[in-house]
Amino acid sequence: MGLLMHRTEELTRALSVRDLTDPAQGPHAIQLVVDAITAALPGPVRVVRQHPVVPVDHNYEHLGYPADAVTRDARYTRYVSETCMLRSHTSAMIPPALRRTSPNTTLVCPGMVYRRDTVDRLHTGTPHQLDVWRISDAPGDIDALVEAVVRAALPGAEYRTTPSEHPYTETGRQVDVRHDGQWVEVGECGTAARHVLDRAGLPAGVHGLASGWGLDRLLMLRKGVPDIRLLRESDPRVARQMRDPAPYRPVSRHPRMIRDISIATTPEADLETIGAVVRDVVPEEVVEEIEILSETPVDELPRQAAERLGARPGQKNVLLRLTLRAPARTLTDGEANEIRDRIYASLRATPA
């Protein structure tokens, strides 16, 4: 399974991040999106919330993920123990919920999930998702379910569905919304796979529709928010705007700072694993984007360059470009250099 979250402080830090979907942790516009979707769904509706530490079985096996699925790798999954993990999708709430669900019920499962993901304006290591499943005693209409969700979250938006495979669906699809001339993925859906319903003990005559939605993306499209970090921004000029669905009014733009880093790392390192290391040492709100400019096997480098990097045989040299920008103020050169140095030291100490 690989690395576990053995350090108590690492798990504590992950669990201390505010779940923006939870009213008990304070109001946020994401909750209004959840409420609008919930109100548009056929009833009765059952809202399910669970602790984010879940059995690995619920996150993977009970949803049909194969044992060799790449997503199970510790580079992408945040394992707490051999049998438990921080959920990587809100679908992890579905298997236990199905065992306590009667036919003709809609399950709504909002919450925060934990990923090792790329660093850019659309991605975060703690995104918010919403699973919506309709369980009924007759085959359902997935098009009607998608229509209800999209119209509630993004009134008037143009959307499409395209074929896409998921372990827990049959005839799976991806849902995209058109924004500024481009298609942006906001969810996935399909008929609930028979093996998921069978494992939950539901009889053959019970059918299901399954869908999962990216709440951060939906809110950003609804309000016109350009950067996912703004959803958690503490600056009052921004935070006040994250309590309603009104269009976002940009606060002053601050200059970005560019810093490049050349490191030696493992052959498997990618943007997701590098991003996970960076998030552990630098506040996520100041790292706007990480790009890989080039990758070169260490064996192809001049000997002097390999020695300067402290590289070992079999590693690769990665040239990274860091884009640094605090959403609500201007970083100084000294701050940008200090952030670069911290990231460099961490990546050298813990190759991604």
Protein backbone atom coordinates (compact mmCIF):
# COMPACT_ATOMS: atom_id res chain seq x y z
CA MET A 1 0.00 0.00 0.00
CA GLY A 2 2.93 2.32 0.48
CA LEU A 3 3.19 5.33 2.80
CA LEU A 4 0.59 5.76 5.55
CA MET A 5 -0.33 8.93 7.38
CA HIS A 6 1.59 7.83 10.48
CA ARG A 7 2.20 11.34 11.74
CA THR A 8 -0.60 12.43 14.04
CA GLU A 9 -0.02 16.07 13.12
CA GLU A 10 -0.49 15.32 9.40
CA LEU A 11 -3.88 13.71 10.00
CA THR A 12 -4.84 16.48 12.43
CA ARG A 13 -3.91 19.11 9.85
CA ALA A 14 -6.00 17.41 7.16
CA LEU A 15 -9.04 17.08 9.42
CA SER A 16 -8.75 20.69 10.57
CA VAL A 17 -9.48 22.07 7.09
CA ARG A 18 -12.97 23.53 7.07
CA ASP A 19 -15.63 21.59 5.15
CA LEU A 20 -17.43 24.38 3.28
CA THR A 21 -20.50 22.17 2.73
CA ASP A 22 -21.16 21.84 6.47
CA PRO A 23 -23.44 24.57 7.95
CA ALA A 24 -22.15 23.67 11.40
CA GLN A 25 -18.74 25.06 10.36
CA GLY A 26 -20.16 28.38 9.20
CA PRO A 27 -22.16 29.67 6.20
CA HIS A 28 -20.79 29.46 2.66
CA ALA A 29 -22.24 29.79 -0.83
CA ILE A 30 -21.39 26.14 -1.55
CA GLN A 31 -24.17 25.24 0.89
CA LEU A 32 -26.61 27.29 -1.19
CA VAL A 33 -25.67 25.24 -4.25
CA VAL A 34 -26.30 22.04 -2.31
CA ASP A 35 -29.64 23.39 -1.07
CA ALA A 36 -30.73 24.41 -4.57
CA ILE A 37 -29.89 20.99 -5.98
CA THR A 38 -31.58 19.18 -3.10
CA ALA A 39 -34.77 21.20 -3.58
CA ALA A 40 -34.89 20.24 -7.27
CA LEU A 41 -34.65 16.47 -6.70
CA PRO A 42 -37.53 14.00 -6.53
CA GLY A 43 -38.41 13.09 -2.96
CA PRO A 44 -38.20 11.82 -0.44
CA VAL A 45 -34.63 13.10 -0.14
CA ARG A 46 -32.24 11.74 2.47
CA VAL A 47 -29.14 13.86 3.19
CA VAL A 48 -26.18 11.79 4.39
CA ARG A 49 -23.07 13.11 6.14
CA GLN A 50 -20.26 10.94 7.47
CA HIS A 51 -16.84 11.36 9.04
CA PRO A 52 -14.16 11.81 6.36
CA VAL A 53 -12.09 8.87 7.64
CA VAL A 54 -13.71 5.86 5.96
CA PRO A 55 -12.97 2.15 5.48
CA VAL A 56 -10.91 1.52 2.36
CA ASP A 57 -13.58 -1.01 1.36
CA HIS A 58 -16.25 1.71 1.18
CA ASN A 59 -14.06 3.97 -0.93
CA TYR A 60 -12.92 1.28 -3.36
CA GLU A 61 -14.05 -2.38 -3.12
CA HIS A 62 -17.77 -1.76 -2.56
CA LEU A 63 -17.84 0.62 -5.54
CA GLY A 64 -16.12 -1.84 -7.86
CA TYR A 65 -12.62 -0.39 -8.11
CA PRO A 66 -10.19 -3.14 -9.19
CA ALA A 67 -7.37 -4.11 -6.86
CA ASP A 68 -4.77 -2.71 -9.27
CA ALA A 69 -6.52 0.65 -9.91
CA VAL A 70 -3.87 3.37 -10.09
CA THR A 71 -5.97 5.65 -7.88
CA ARG A 72 -5.32 3.26 -4.96
CA ASP A 73 -1.61 4.06 -5.02
CA ALA A 74 -0.41 5.92 -1.92
CA ARG A 75 0.83 8.66 -4.24
CA TYR A 76 -2.83 9.60 -4.81
CA THR A 77 -4.71 8.18 -1.81
CA ARG A 78 -4.22 9.45 1.73
CA TYR A 79 -4.18 6.26 3.82
CA VAL A 80 -4.61 6.52 7.58
CA SER A 81 -4.02 2.82 8.26
CA GLU A 82 -4.08 -0.45 6.33
CA THR A 83 -7.89 -0.46 6.46
CA CYS A 84 -8.86 3.24 6.69
CA MET A 85 -8.26 6.36 4.59
CA LEU A 86 -9.37 9.92 4.11
CA ARG A 87 -12.13 9.53 1.54
CA SER A 88 -11.11 10.44 -2.00
CA HIS A 89 -14.72 10.98 -3.16
CA THR A 90 -18.13 11.42 -1.56
CA SER A 91 -19.16 8.17 -3.26
CA ALA A 92 -17.51 6.50 -0.24
CA MET A 93 -20.68 7.42 1.69
CA ILE A 94 -22.88 5.52 -0.74
CA PRO A 95 -22.25 1.82 0.17
CA PRO A 96 -23.28 2.12 3.84
CA ALA A 97 -26.13 4.51 2.94
CA LEU A 98 -27.56 2.04 0.42
CA ARG A 99 -27.89 -0.63 3.09
CA ARG A 100 -30.28 1.68 4.99
CA THR A 101 -32.23 3.05 2.01
CA SER A 102 -35.72 2.14 0.86
CA PRO A 103 -36.74 2.25 -2.81
CA ASN A 104 -37.96 5.57 -4.26
CA THR A 105 -35.49 7.60 -2.21
CA THR A 106 -32.90 10.13 -3.36
CA LEU A 107 -29.58 10.09 -1.51
CA VAL A 108 -27.68 13.38 -1.25
CA CYS A 109 -24.12 13.08 0.10
CA PRO A 110 -22.16 16.37 0.35
CA GLY A 111 -18.71 16.76 1.82
CA MET A 112 -15.04 17.49 1.47
CA VAL A 113 -12.69 14.92 -0.02
CA TYR A 114 -8.93 14.51 0.09
CA ARG A 115 -6.74 14.22 -2.99
CA ARG A 116 -3.14 14.49 -4.06
CA ASP A 117 -3.82 16.74 -7.02
CA THR A 118 -2.25 19.21 -9.41
CA VAL A 119 -1.72 22.79 -8.26
CA ASP A 120 -3.49 25.36 -10.41
CA ARG A 121 -6.44 27.74 -10.24
CA LEU A 122 -9.01 24.93 -10.71
CA HIS A 123 -7.60 22.22 -8.42
CA THR A 124 -7.08 21.77 -4.70
CA GLY A 125 -6.11 18.90 -2.42
CA THR A 126 -9.39 19.29 -0.50
CA PRO A 127 -12.20 19.73 -3.04
CA HIS A 128 -15.91 19.52 -2.23
CA GLN A 129 -18.21 17.02 -3.91
CA LEU A 130 -21.85 16.00 -3.95
CA ASP A 131 -23.10 12.50 -4.73
CA VAL A 132 -26.74 12.25 -5.81
CA TRP A 133 -28.19 8.75 -6.19
CA ARG A 134 -31.82 7.90 -6.91
CA ILE A 135 -32.95 4.45 -5.75
CA SER A 136 -36.28 3.27 -7.15
CA ASP A 137 -38.39 0.21 -7.88
CA ALA A 138 -38.43 1.01 -11.60
CA PRO A 139 -35.72 2.07 -14.08
CA GLY A 140 -35.04 5.79 -13.80
CA ASP A 141 -34.23 8.55 -16.26
CA ILE A 142 -30.60 9.67 -15.92
CA ASP A 143 -31.16 12.55 -18.35
CA ALA A 144 -33.88 13.96 -16.10
CA LEU A 145 -31.63 13.69 -13.04
CA VAL A 146 -28.76 15.50 -14.79
CA GLU A 147 -31.15 18.16 -16.07
CA ALA A 148 -32.47 18.78 -12.56
CA VAL A 149 -29.01 19.16 -11.03
CA VAL A 150 -27.53 21.39 -13.73
CA ARG A 151 -30.57 23.65 -13.95
CA ALA A 152 -30.63 24.07 -10.16
CA ALA A 153 -26.89 24.78 -9.84
CA LEU A 154 -26.35 26.75 -13.06
CA PRO A 155 -29.62 28.22 -14.36
CA GLY A 156 -29.49 28.73 -18.12
CA ALA A 157 -26.16 26.96 -18.63
CA GLU A 158 -25.46 24.97 -21.80
CA TYR A 159 -24.33 21.45 -20.95
CA ARG A 160 -23.60 18.09 -22.56
CA THR A 161 -22.93 14.49 -21.56
CA THR A 162 -20.33 12.26 -23.19
CA PRO A 163 -19.57 8.54 -22.63
CA SER A 164 -17.23 7.88 -19.70
CA GLU A 165 -16.53 4.71 -17.70
CA HIS A 166 -16.75 4.55 -13.91
CA PRO A 167 -16.43 1.43 -11.72
CA TYR A 168 -19.81 2.04 -10.04
CA THR A 169 -21.93 2.86 -13.11
CA GLU A 170 -23.18 1.28 -16.29
CA THR A 171 -23.57 3.40 -19.45
CA GLY A 172 -21.50 6.02 -17.62
CA ARG A 173 -21.23 9.61 -18.79
CA GLN A 174 -19.29 12.78 -18.06
CA VAL A 175 -21.16 16.05 -17.62
CA ASP A 176 -19.61 19.23 -19.08
CA VAL A 177 -20.81 22.84 -18.96
CA ARG A 178 -19.90 25.39 -21.60
CA HIS A 179 -18.07 28.40 -20.16
CA ASP A 180 -16.20 31.12 -22.06
CA GLY A 181 -16.27 29.01 -25.21
CA GLN A 182 -14.84 25.90 -23.55
CA TRP A 183 -16.32 22.75 -22.03
CA VAL A 184 -15.65 22.39 -18.30
CA GLU A 185 -16.23 19.06 -16.53
CA VAL A 186 -18.59 19.40 -13.56
CA GLY A 187 -19.76 15.85 -12.87
CA GLU A 188 -20.24 12.24 -13.85
CA CYS A 189 -23.28 10.00 -13.94
CA GLY A 190 -24.81 6.74 -15.12
CA THR A 191 -27.04 3.84 -14.14
CA ALA A 192 -25.90 2.44 -10.80
CA ALA A 193 -23.91 -0.73 -11.43
CA ARG A 194 -25.74 -3.89 -10.45
CA HIS A 195 -22.76 -5.13 -8.41
CA VAL A 196 -22.95 -2.04 -6.15
CA LEU A 197 -26.66 -2.56 -5.45
CA ASP A 198 -26.20 -6.31 -4.93
CA ARG A 199 -23.36 -5.79 -2.47
CA ALA A 200 -25.62 -3.46 -0.48
CA GLY A 201 -28.25 -6.19 -0.26
CA LEU A 202 -30.83 -4.51 -2.51
CA PRO A 203 -33.10 -6.96 -4.38
CA ALA A 204 -32.96 -7.42 -8.16
CA GLY A 205 -36.10 -5.35 -8.68
CA VAL A 206 -34.46 -2.23 -7.24
CA HIS A 207 -32.76 0.14 -9.68
CA GLY A 208 -30.44 3.10 -9.21
CA LEU A 209 -29.18 6.25 -10.86
CA ALA A 210 -25.75 7.50 -9.79
CA SER A 211 -24.11 10.89 -10.13
CA GLY A 212 -21.22 12.82 -8.58
CA TRP A 213 -20.68 16.58 -8.84
CA GLY A 214 -17.80 18.97 -8.23
CA LEU A 215 -19.25 21.64 -5.97
CA ASP A 216 -16.24 23.96 -6.19
CA ARG A 217 -16.51 24.01 -9.99
CA LEU A 218 -20.27 24.57 -9.88
CA LEU A 219 -19.92 27.52 -7.50
CA MET A 220 -17.02 29.02 -9.46
CA LEU A 221 -19.07 28.87 -12.67
CA ARG A 222 -22.17 30.22 -10.94
CA LYS A 223 -20.37 33.23 -9.43
CA GLY A 224 -17.61 33.73 -11.99
CA VAL A 225 -14.85 33.03 -9.46
CA PRO A 226 -11.54 32.72 -11.36
CA ASP A 227 -9.44 30.89 -8.77
CA ILE A 228 -10.45 28.03 -6.46
CA ARG A 229 -8.30 29.47 -3.64
CA LEU A 230 -10.70 32.40 -3.38
CA LEU A 231 -13.42 30.08 -2.02
CA ARG A 232 -11.45 29.90 1.25
CA GLU A 233 -9.96 33.40 1.21
CA SER A 234 -10.02 35.09 4.63
CA ASP A 235 -9.75 38.67 3.31
CA PRO A 236 -13.11 40.25 4.23
CA ARG A 237 -13.49 41.76 0.73
CA VAL A 238 -13.52 38.23 -0.68
CA ALA A 239 -14.98 36.23 2.23
CA ARG A 240 -18.14 38.37 2.31
CA GLN A 241 -18.78 37.44 -1.32
CA MET A 242 -18.60 33.73 -0.54
CA ARG A 243 -21.87 33.79 1.37
CA ASP A 244 -24.24 34.30 -1.58
CA PRO A 245 -24.58 33.23 -5.22
CA ALA A 246 -24.21 36.78 -6.62
CA PRO A 247 -21.53 37.32 -9.29
CA TYR A 248 -18.02 37.67 -7.93
CA ARG A 249 -16.57 41.19 -7.93
CA PRO A 250 -12.79 41.00 -8.27
CA VAL A 251 -10.68 42.69 -5.64
CA SER A 252 -7.41 44.30 -6.68
CA ARG A 253 -5.14 42.05 -8.72
CA HIS A 254 -1.64 41.54 -7.41
CA PRO A 255 1.42 40.71 -9.48
CA ARG A 256 2.45 37.09 -9.78
CA MET A 257 5.95 35.97 -8.85
CA ILE A 258 7.71 33.32 -10.95
CA ARG A 259 10.38 31.07 -9.47
CA ASP A 260 12.02 28.02 -11.11
CA ILE A 261 13.38 25.00 -9.26
CA SER A 262 15.55 22.16 -10.60
CA ILE A 263 15.33 18.98 -8.51
CA ALA A 264 16.19 15.29 -8.66
CA THR A 265 13.23 13.08 -7.90
CA THR A 266 11.81 9.60 -8.41
CA PRO A 267 10.90 8.42 -11.93
CA GLU A 268 7.20 8.22 -10.91
CA ALA A 269 6.96 11.84 -9.73
CA ASP A 270 4.21 13.87 -11.40
CA LEU A 271 2.27 17.07 -10.78
CA GLU A 272 -0.06 15.35 -8.31
CA THR A 273 2.65 13.93 -6.07
CA ILE A 274 4.77 17.08 -6.28
CA GLY A 275 1.69 19.13 -5.41
CA ALA A 276 1.08 16.97 -2.34
CA VAL A 277 4.59 17.65 -1.02
CA VAL A 278 4.25 21.38 -1.69
CA ARG A 279 0.92 21.59 0.12
CA ASP A 280 2.49 20.08 3.23
CA VAL A 281 4.99 22.93 3.62
CA VAL A 282 3.47 26.03 1.98
CA PRO A 283 0.00 27.58 2.45
CA GLU A 284 -2.01 26.52 -0.58
CA GLU A 285 -3.40 30.00 -1.15
CA VAL A 286 -0.04 31.44 -2.24
CA VAL A 287 0.91 28.78 -4.81
CA GLU A 288 -1.17 29.59 -7.86
CA GLU A 289 0.30 26.96 -10.17
CA ILE A 290 3.11 24.44 -10.56
CA GLU A 291 4.28 23.50 -14.05
CA ILE A 292 6.80 20.90 -15.18
CA LEU A 293 8.96 22.60 -17.80
CA SER A 294 11.17 19.60 -18.54
CA GLU A 295 12.08 16.11 -17.34
CA THR A 296 15.46 14.46 -18.00
CA PRO A 297 16.71 11.07 -16.78
CA VAL A 298 19.68 11.62 -14.48
CA ASP A 299 21.70 9.15 -16.52
CA GLU A 300 21.50 11.59 -19.47
CA LEU A 301 22.83 14.56 -17.49
CA PRO A 302 26.47 15.67 -17.46
CA ARG A 303 28.24 14.24 -14.40
CA GLN A 304 28.78 17.70 -12.90
CA ALA A 305 25.07 18.54 -13.21
CA ALA A 306 24.03 15.27 -11.57
CA GLU A 307 26.45 15.86 -8.69
CA ARG A 308 25.20 19.42 -8.23
CA LEU A 309 21.64 18.10 -7.92
CA GLY A 310 22.67 15.38 -5.50
CA ALA A 311 20.98 12.93 -7.86
CA ARG A 312 21.08 9.16 -7.56
CA PRO A 313 21.08 6.61 -10.42
CA GLY A 314 17.57 5.94 -11.74
CA GLN A 315 16.19 9.33 -10.71
CA LYS A 316 15.12 12.10 -13.06
CA ASN A 317 15.79 15.82 -13.15
CA VAL A 318 12.61 17.89 -13.13
CA LEU A 319 12.55 21.61 -13.87
CA LEU A 320 9.58 23.17 -12.09
CA ARG A 321 8.06 26.60 -12.55
CA LEU A 322 6.28 28.02 -9.52
CA THR A 323 3.70 30.76 -9.98
CA LEU A 324 3.21 32.49 -6.63
CA ARG A 325 0.46 35.00 -5.95
CA ALA A 326 -1.47 35.76 -2.79
CA PRO A 327 -5.10 36.50 -3.67
CA ALA A 328 -5.42 39.54 -1.39
CA ARG A 329 -1.96 41.17 -1.28
CA THR A 330 1.38 41.52 -3.06
CA LEU A 331 4.16 39.10 -2.16
CA THR A 332 7.61 40.63 -1.72
CA ASP A 333 10.67 39.26 -3.49
CA GLY A 334 11.96 38.07 -0.15
CA GLU A 335 8.74 36.18 0.61
CA ALA A 336 8.74 34.59 -2.85
CA ASN A 337 12.34 33.50 -2.43
CA GLU A 338 11.64 32.08 1.03
CA ILE A 339 8.67 30.10 -0.33
CA ARG A 340 10.82 28.80 -3.20
CA ASP A 341 13.56 27.75 -0.79
CA ARG A 342 11.11 25.95 1.49
CA ILE A 343 9.62 24.05 -1.44
CA TYR A 344 13.08 23.18 -2.75
CA ALA A 345 14.24 21.88 0.63
CA SER A 346 11.08 19.81 1.10
CA LEU A 347 11.29 18.25 -2.38
CA ARG A 348 14.94 17.37 -1.82
CA ALA A 349 14.15 15.81 1.57
CA THR A 350 11.03 13.99 0.37
CA PRO A 351 11.30 13.16 -3.38
CA ALA A 352 7.78 13.11 -4.80
